[in-house]
Amino acid sequence: MIEKVYMVDANGFEDLGAVLAPPRRKIGAVGITTWPPSGRELAGVPLLPADGATITPDVANGGWGWELLLGMRPTQVGYLSRSAIQVDYRVGDDLFTSTFPAEFVVCNDERVLVEGQCPAPAAWRSEGEG
């Protein structure tokens, strides 16, 4: 059973939760702009909340796997990132943690359109630099 799914080193994102799309869906690996997810890409696909879900391995599904969809929303302007996704899960009475490298970086600063680059995060700037 999945205990908890969360972002690692998330800077500037609010975690909106995670859902699972079951095996044998028509389209996989989609970017969706609404949360909870909806739209033609997922029409008729029954989504399950990831936290607390029990899923079957892909070998039990004819090689088809589950897709994990993460909801996140920017909480600030500038250079936003996360480095990985972590899943805490239980098999019987044992608790495990798996970390999946899944770097995601976005710049939502309007200066990127004008200047062609994203302002560096405050932690990267030298003192006195804007």
C-alpha atoms as a PDB file:
ATOM      1  CA  MET A   1       0.000   0.000   0.000  1.00  0.00           C
ATOM      2  CA  ILE A   2       1.238   3.489  -0.839  1.00  0.00           C
ATOM      3  CA  GLU A   3       1.551   5.534   2.354  1.00  0.00           C
ATOM      4  CA  LYS A   4       2.627   8.905   0.934  1.00  0.00           C
ATOM      5  CA  VAL A   5       3.894  10.466  -2.318  1.00  0.00           C
ATOM      6  CA  TYR A   6       5.757  13.763  -2.152  1.00  0.00           C
ATOM      7  CA  MET A   7       8.228  16.004  -3.942  1.00  0.00           C
ATOM      8  CA  VAL A   8      11.853  16.206  -2.780  1.00  0.00           C
ATOM      9  CA  ASP A   9      13.645  19.564  -2.587  1.00  0.00           C
ATOM     10  CA  ALA A  10      10.579  21.365  -3.905  1.00  0.00           C
ATOM     11  CA  ASN A  11      11.368  25.067  -4.113  1.00  0.00           C
ATOM     12  CA  GLY A  12       8.468  27.333  -5.013  1.00  0.00           C
ATOM     13  CA  PHE A  13       5.782  24.671  -5.517  1.00  0.00           C
ATOM     14  CA  GLU A  14       2.717  23.780  -3.489  1.00  0.00           C
ATOM     15  CA  ASP A  15       2.037  20.034  -3.406  1.00  0.00           C
ATOM     16  CA  LEU A  16      -1.565  19.459  -4.550  1.00  0.00           C
ATOM     17  CA  GLY A  17      -1.433  15.702  -4.078  1.00  0.00           C
ATOM     18  CA  ALA A  18      -0.997  12.652  -6.277  1.00  0.00           C
ATOM     19  CA  VAL A  19      -3.359  10.337  -8.115  1.00  0.00           C
ATOM     20  CA  LEU A  20      -2.900   7.103 -10.042  1.00  0.00           C
ATOM     21  CA  ALA A  21      -4.125   6.349 -13.549  1.00  0.00           C
ATOM     22  CA  PRO A  22      -4.708   2.598 -13.934  1.00  0.00           C
ATOM     23  CA  PRO A  23      -3.128   0.254 -16.478  1.00  0.00           C
ATOM     24  CA  ARG A  24      -4.486   0.004 -20.019  1.00  0.00           C
ATOM     25  CA  ARG A  25      -5.308   3.696 -20.421  1.00  0.00           C
ATOM     26  CA  LYS A  26      -5.061   4.972 -24.003  1.00  0.00           C
ATOM     27  CA  ILE A  27      -2.646   7.861 -23.393  1.00  0.00           C
ATOM     28  CA  GLY A  28       0.239   7.995 -20.920  1.00  0.00           C
ATOM     29  CA  ALA A  29       2.767  10.576 -19.734  1.00  0.00           C
ATOM     30  CA  VAL A  30       0.584  13.629 -20.158  1.00  0.00           C
ATOM     31  CA  GLY A  31       0.911  17.191 -18.934  1.00  0.00           C
ATOM     32  CA  ILE A  32      -2.367  18.451 -17.528  1.00  0.00           C
ATOM     33  CA  THR A  33      -3.076  22.048 -16.575  1.00  0.00           C
ATOM     34  CA  THR A  34      -5.997  21.468 -14.191  1.00  0.00           C
ATOM     35  CA  TRP A  35      -6.074  19.800 -10.790  1.00  0.00           C
ATOM     36  CA  PRO A  36      -7.584  17.444 -10.066  1.00  0.00           C
ATOM     37  CA  PRO A  37      -6.740  16.114 -13.517  1.00  0.00           C
ATOM     38  CA  SER A  38      -9.423  16.051 -16.179  1.00  0.00           C
ATOM     39  CA  GLY A  39      -9.773  16.518 -19.899  1.00  0.00           C
ATOM     40  CA  ARG A  40      -9.849  14.394 -22.995  1.00  0.00           C
ATOM     41  CA  GLU A  41      -6.510  12.716 -22.170  1.00  0.00           C
ATOM     42  CA  LEU A  42      -8.138  11.092 -19.155  1.00  0.00           C
ATOM     43  CA  ALA A  43     -11.746  10.815 -20.317  1.00  0.00           C
ATOM     44  CA  GLY A  44     -13.267   7.741 -18.708  1.00  0.00           C
ATOM     45  CA  VAL A  45     -10.118   6.895 -16.745  1.00  0.00           C
ATOM     46  CA  PRO A  46     -10.935   6.256 -13.073  1.00  0.00           C
ATOM     47  CA  LEU A  47      -8.240   8.053 -11.067  1.00  0.00           C
ATOM     48  CA  LEU A  48      -7.350   6.860  -7.564  1.00  0.00           C
ATOM     49  CA  PRO A  49      -5.832   8.978  -4.783  1.00  0.00           C
ATOM     50  CA  ALA A  50      -2.238   7.716  -4.545  1.00  0.00           C
ATOM     51  CA  ASP A  51      -1.931   7.998  -0.770  1.00  0.00           C
ATOM     52  CA  GLY A  52      -3.526   4.867   0.662  1.00  0.00           C
ATOM     53  CA  ALA A  53      -3.815   3.060  -2.696  1.00  0.00           C
ATOM     54  CA  THR A  54      -2.952  -0.593  -3.169  1.00  0.00           C
ATOM     55  CA  ILE A  55      -1.861  -1.409  -6.713  1.00  0.00           C
ATOM     56  CA  THR A  56      -0.871  -4.540  -8.611  1.00  0.00           C
ATOM     57  CA  PRO A  57       2.528  -5.005 -10.267  1.00  0.00           C
ATOM     58  CA  ASP A  58       2.721  -4.596 -14.044  1.00  0.00           C
ATOM     59  CA  VAL A  59       3.280  -8.343 -14.538  1.00  0.00           C
ATOM     60  CA  ALA A  60      -0.248  -8.842 -13.182  1.00  0.00           C
ATOM     61  CA  ASN A  61      -1.523  -6.314 -15.741  1.00  0.00           C
ATOM     62  CA  GLY A  62      -0.015  -7.828 -18.869  1.00  0.00           C
ATOM     63  CA  GLY A  63       3.008  -5.507 -18.679  1.00  0.00           C
ATOM     64  CA  TRP A  64       0.920  -2.353 -18.335  1.00  0.00           C
ATOM     65  CA  GLY A  65       1.893  -0.116 -15.439  1.00  0.00           C
ATOM     66  CA  TRP A  66       0.190   2.530 -13.362  1.00  0.00           C
ATOM     67  CA  GLU A  67       0.859   6.210 -14.049  1.00  0.00           C
ATOM     68  CA  LEU A  68       1.519   8.560 -11.149  1.00  0.00           C
ATOM     69  CA  LEU A  69       0.164  12.078 -11.681  1.00  0.00           C
ATOM     70  CA  LEU A  70       1.451  14.823  -9.385  1.00  0.00           C
ATOM     71  CA  GLY A  71      -0.341  18.083  -8.779  1.00  0.00           C
ATOM     72  CA  MET A  72       1.769  21.161  -8.091  1.00  0.00           C
ATOM     73  CA  ARG A  73       1.190  24.884  -8.239  1.00  0.00           C
ATOM     74  CA  PRO A  74       3.767  27.717  -8.224  1.00  0.00           C
ATOM     75  CA  THR A  75       3.821  29.669  -4.961  1.00  0.00           C
ATOM     76  CA  GLN A  76       6.292  32.315  -6.083  1.00  0.00           C
ATOM     77  CA  VAL A  77       7.731  33.963  -9.180  1.00  0.00           C
ATOM     78  CA  GLY A  78      11.126  33.007 -10.566  1.00  0.00           C
ATOM     79  CA  TYR A  79      13.163  29.831 -10.850  1.00  0.00           C
ATOM     80  CA  LEU A  80      11.201  26.896  -9.384  1.00  0.00           C
ATOM     81  CA  SER A  81      12.409  23.325  -9.046  1.00  0.00           C
ATOM     82  CA  ARG A  82      12.130  19.894  -7.507  1.00  0.00           C
ATOM     83  CA  SER A  83      14.773  17.184  -7.618  1.00  0.00           C
ATOM     84  CA  ALA A  84      12.905  13.933  -7.092  1.00  0.00           C
ATOM     85  CA  ILE A  85       9.710  12.175  -6.122  1.00  0.00           C
ATOM     86  CA  GLN A  86       9.625  10.059  -2.999  1.00  0.00           C
ATOM     87  CA  VAL A  87       7.160   7.252  -2.318  1.00  0.00           C
ATOM     88  CA  ASP A  88       6.675   5.694   1.104  1.00  0.00           C
ATOM     89  CA  TYR A  89       4.943   2.335   0.817  1.00  0.00           C
ATOM     90  CA  ARG A  90       4.160  -0.713   2.866  1.00  0.00           C
ATOM     91  CA  VAL A  91       4.464  -4.394   2.002  1.00  0.00           C
ATOM     92  CA  GLY A  92       2.836  -6.368   4.779  1.00  0.00           C
ATOM     93  CA  ASP A  93       4.103  -4.826   8.008  1.00  0.00           C
ATOM     94  CA  ASP A  94       7.321  -3.449   6.473  1.00  0.00           C
ATOM     95  CA  LEU A  95       7.649   0.212   5.462  1.00  0.00           C
ATOM     96  CA  PHE A  96       9.867   1.131   2.488  1.00  0.00           C
ATOM     97  CA  THR A  97      10.890   4.382   0.829  1.00  0.00           C
ATOM     98  CA  SER A  98      11.835   4.759  -2.838  1.00  0.00           C
ATOM     99  CA  THR A  99      13.210   7.975  -4.290  1.00  0.00           C
ATOM    100  CA  PHE A 100      12.918   8.516  -8.035  1.00  0.00           C
ATOM    101  CA  PRO A 101      15.123  11.194  -9.625  1.00  0.00           C
ATOM    102  CA  ALA A 102      12.607  13.410 -11.404  1.00  0.00           C
ATOM    103  CA  GLU A 103      14.067  16.873 -11.738  1.00  0.00           C
ATOM    104  CA  PHE A 104      11.581  19.491 -12.820  1.00  0.00           C
ATOM    105  CA  VAL A 105      12.578  23.115 -13.377  1.00  0.00           C
ATOM    106  CA  VAL A 106      10.429  25.984 -14.576  1.00  0.00           C
ATOM    107  CA  CYS A 107      10.775  29.751 -14.771  1.00  0.00           C
ATOM    108  CA  ASN A 108       7.552  31.692 -14.377  1.00  0.00           C
ATOM    109  CA  ASP A 109       9.126  35.152 -14.312  1.00  0.00           C
ATOM    110  CA  GLU A 110       8.025  37.545 -17.080  1.00  0.00           C
ATOM    111  CA  ARG A 111      11.642  38.731 -17.419  1.00  0.00           C
ATOM    112  CA  VAL A 112      12.470  35.480 -19.198  1.00  0.00           C
ATOM    113  CA  LEU A 113      10.325  36.689 -22.114  1.00  0.00           C
ATOM    114  CA  VAL A 114      12.032  40.094 -22.204  1.00  0.00           C
ATOM    115  CA  GLU A 115      15.622  39.267 -21.299  1.00  0.00           C
ATOM    116  CA  GLY A 116      15.745  35.670 -22.537  1.00  0.00           C
ATOM    117  CA  GLN A 117      16.852  34.221 -19.231  1.00  0.00           C
ATOM    118  CA  CYS A 118      15.406  33.368 -15.863  1.00  0.00           C
ATOM    119  CA  PRO A 119      16.673  35.345 -12.876  1.00  0.00           C
ATOM    120  CA  ALA A 120      18.792  33.129 -10.634  1.00  0.00           C
ATOM    121  CA  PRO A 121      17.243  32.032  -7.349  1.00  0.00           C
ATOM    122  CA  ALA A 122      18.069  34.356  -4.443  1.00  0.00           C
ATOM    123  CA  ALA A 123      20.233  31.656  -2.844  1.00  0.00           C
ATOM    124  CA  TRP A 124      22.501  31.661  -5.922  1.00  0.00           C
ATOM    125  CA  ARG A 125      22.999  35.420  -6.151  1.00  0.00           C
ATOM    126  CA  SER A 126      25.963  37.229  -4.643  1.00  0.00           C
ATOM    127  CA  GLU A 127      25.259  39.821  -2.008  1.00  0.00           C
ATOM    128  CA  GLY A 128      24.314  43.129  -3.609  1.00  0.00           C
ATOM    129  CA  GLU A 129      23.285  41.483  -6.884  1.00  0.00           C
ATOM    130  CA  GLY A 130      19.642  41.924  -7.986  1.00  0.00           C
END
